[in-house]
């Protein structure tokens, strides 16, 4: 259905639709852009100008200026940034723990070596 709708909207307005072509021409649209998609948008614009708030919202959303959508995008960006921050913090903590345990292992190894050396010296 999506493909069919796109195909229909992309079709040129036929010459027989003189009234529709006149409306498009009055809007300043060039004849090469006389498609059904253009005609639909002109109709929506006319409805919005008459006070149809749903048509106005449709236009706003179509041009990508939906405040709710923009807010959701910003919230998503914030959550991604927070996730990345926490991941980096956890990675830093993990590395710190590894270096701490490595230091503890080195101290323990040095102690064992010293004890063995003292034991060998006594014999």
Protein backbone atom coordinates (compact mmCIF):
# COMPACT_ATOMS: atom_id res chain seq x y z
CA UNK A 1 0.00 0.00 0.00
CA UNK A 2 2.82 2.37 0.83
CA UNK A 3 4.32 1.95 -2.62
CA UNK A 4 0.95 2.50 -4.26
CA UNK A 5 0.31 5.64 -2.23
CA UNK A 6 3.75 6.99 -3.13
CA UNK A 7 3.18 6.18 -6.79
CA UNK A 8 -0.19 7.95 -6.79
CA UNK A 9 1.12 11.01 -4.97
CA UNK A 10 4.04 11.31 -7.38
CA UNK A 11 1.75 11.23 -10.43
CA UNK A 12 1.38 14.41 -12.45
CA UNK A 13 -2.01 16.07 -12.32
CA UNK A 14 -3.69 15.34 -15.68
CA UNK A 15 -4.54 18.10 -18.13
CA UNK A 16 -8.23 17.34 -17.63
CA UNK A 17 -8.01 18.57 -14.02
CA UNK A 18 -8.05 22.21 -15.09
CA UNK A 19 -9.54 23.56 -11.86
CA UNK A 20 -6.90 21.83 -9.75
CA UNK A 21 -4.14 23.07 -12.04
CA UNK A 22 -5.49 26.61 -11.77
CA UNK A 23 -5.40 26.41 -7.95
CA UNK A 24 -1.82 25.20 -8.05
CA UNK A 25 -0.84 27.94 -10.50
CA UNK A 26 -2.47 30.60 -8.30
CA UNK A 27 -0.28 29.39 -5.43
CA UNK A 28 2.77 30.07 -7.60
CA UNK A 29 3.64 26.43 -8.17
CA UNK A 30 5.42 25.68 -11.42
CA UNK A 31 3.66 23.36 -13.84
CA UNK A 32 6.38 20.72 -13.56
CA UNK A 33 5.52 20.39 -9.85
CA UNK A 34 1.81 19.78 -10.48
CA UNK A 35 1.62 16.43 -8.69
CA UNK A 36 -1.07 15.00 -6.48
CA UNK A 37 1.31 15.29 -3.56
CA UNK A 38 1.62 19.01 -4.19
CA UNK A 39 -2.15 19.28 -4.54
CA UNK A 40 -2.68 17.49 -1.22
CA UNK A 41 -0.23 19.80 0.53
CA UNK A 42 -1.93 22.85 -0.97
CA UNK A 43 -5.23 21.52 0.36
CA UNK A 44 -3.73 21.02 3.80
CA UNK A 45 -2.27 24.53 3.75
CA UNK A 46 -5.66 25.95 2.80
CA UNK A 47 -7.31 24.05 5.64
CA UNK A 48 -4.69 25.25 8.11
CA UNK A 49 -5.20 28.84 6.98
CA UNK A 50 -8.94 28.43 7.61
CA UNK A 51 -8.21 27.47 11.22
CA UNK A 52 -8.09 23.68 11.03
CA UNK A 53 -5.68 22.92 13.87
CA UNK A 54 -5.20 19.31 12.80
CA UNK A 55 -4.09 20.48 9.37
CA UNK A 56 -1.73 22.99 10.99
CA UNK A 57 -0.30 20.27 13.23
CA UNK A 58 0.11 17.98 10.23
CA UNK A 59 2.06 20.69 8.40
CA UNK A 60 4.21 21.39 11.44
CA UNK A 61 4.99 17.70 11.86
CA UNK A 62 5.63 17.23 8.15
CA UNK A 63 8.30 19.91 8.12
CA UNK A 64 9.86 18.37 11.24
CA UNK A 65 9.00 20.96 13.84
CA UNK A 66 7.04 18.80 16.26
CA UNK A 67 8.04 19.97 19.76
CA UNK A 68 7.12 16.65 21.37
CA UNK A 69 9.29 14.77 18.89
CA UNK A 70 12.16 17.20 19.42
CA UNK A 71 11.84 16.76 23.18
CA UNK A 72 11.92 12.97 22.84
CA UNK A 73 15.05 13.24 20.68
CA UNK A 74 16.76 15.44 23.28
CA UNK A 75 15.77 13.03 26.05
CA UNK A 76 17.16 10.12 24.05
CA UNK A 77 20.41 12.00 23.43
CA UNK A 78 20.63 12.71 27.17
CA UNK A 79 20.05 9.05 28.05
CA UNK A 80 22.70 7.97 25.57
CA UNK A 81 25.15 10.48 27.07
CA UNK A 82 24.36 9.25 30.59
CA UNK A 83 24.80 5.64 29.52
CA UNK A 84 28.16 6.45 27.94
CA UNK A 85 29.26 8.36 31.04
CA UNK A 86 28.35 5.44 33.34
CA UNK A 87 30.07 2.99 31.02
CA UNK A 88 33.24 5.06 31.12
CA UNK A 89 33.01 5.34 34.90
CA UNK A 90 32.61 1.58 35.25
CA UNK A 91 35.54 1.00 32.90
CA UNK A 92 37.73 3.37 34.92
CA UNK A 93 36.68 1.63 38.14
CA UNK A 94 37.43 -1.77 36.64
CA UNK A 95 40.89 -0.63 35.56
CA UNK A 96 41.53 0.85 38.99
CA UNK A 97 40.49 -2.42 40.62
CA UNK A 98 42.77 -4.35 38.29
CA UNK A 99 45.74 -2.13 39.09
CA UNK A 100 44.98 -2.34 42.82
CA UNK A 101 44.85 -6.11 42.72
CA UNK A 102 48.02 -6.15 40.62
CA UNK A 103 49.77 -4.05 43.26
CA UNK A 104 48.49 -6.33 46.01
CA UNK A 105 49.69 -9.35 44.03
CA UNK A 106 53.10 -7.74 43.57
CA UNK A 107 53.41 -7.00 47.29
CA UNK A 108 52.36 -10.53 48.16
CA UNK A 109 54.86 -11.96 45.67
CA UNK A 110 57.64 -9.77 47.08
CA UNK A 111 56.77 -10.90 50.60
CA UNK A 112 56.88 -14.57 49.57
CA UNK A 113 60.23 -14.05 47.86
CA UNK A 114 61.61 -12.35 50.95
CA UNK A 115 60.36 -15.12 53.21
CA UNK A 116 61.93 -17.75 50.94
CA UNK A 117 65.19 -15.81 50.85
CA UNK A 118 65.25 -15.59 54.65
CA UNK A 119 64.46 -19.30 54.88
CA UNK A 120 67.28 -20.13 52.46
CA UNK A 121 69.66 -17.88 54.40
CA UNK A 122 68.90 -19.74 57.63
CA UNK A 123 69.76 -23.09 56.09
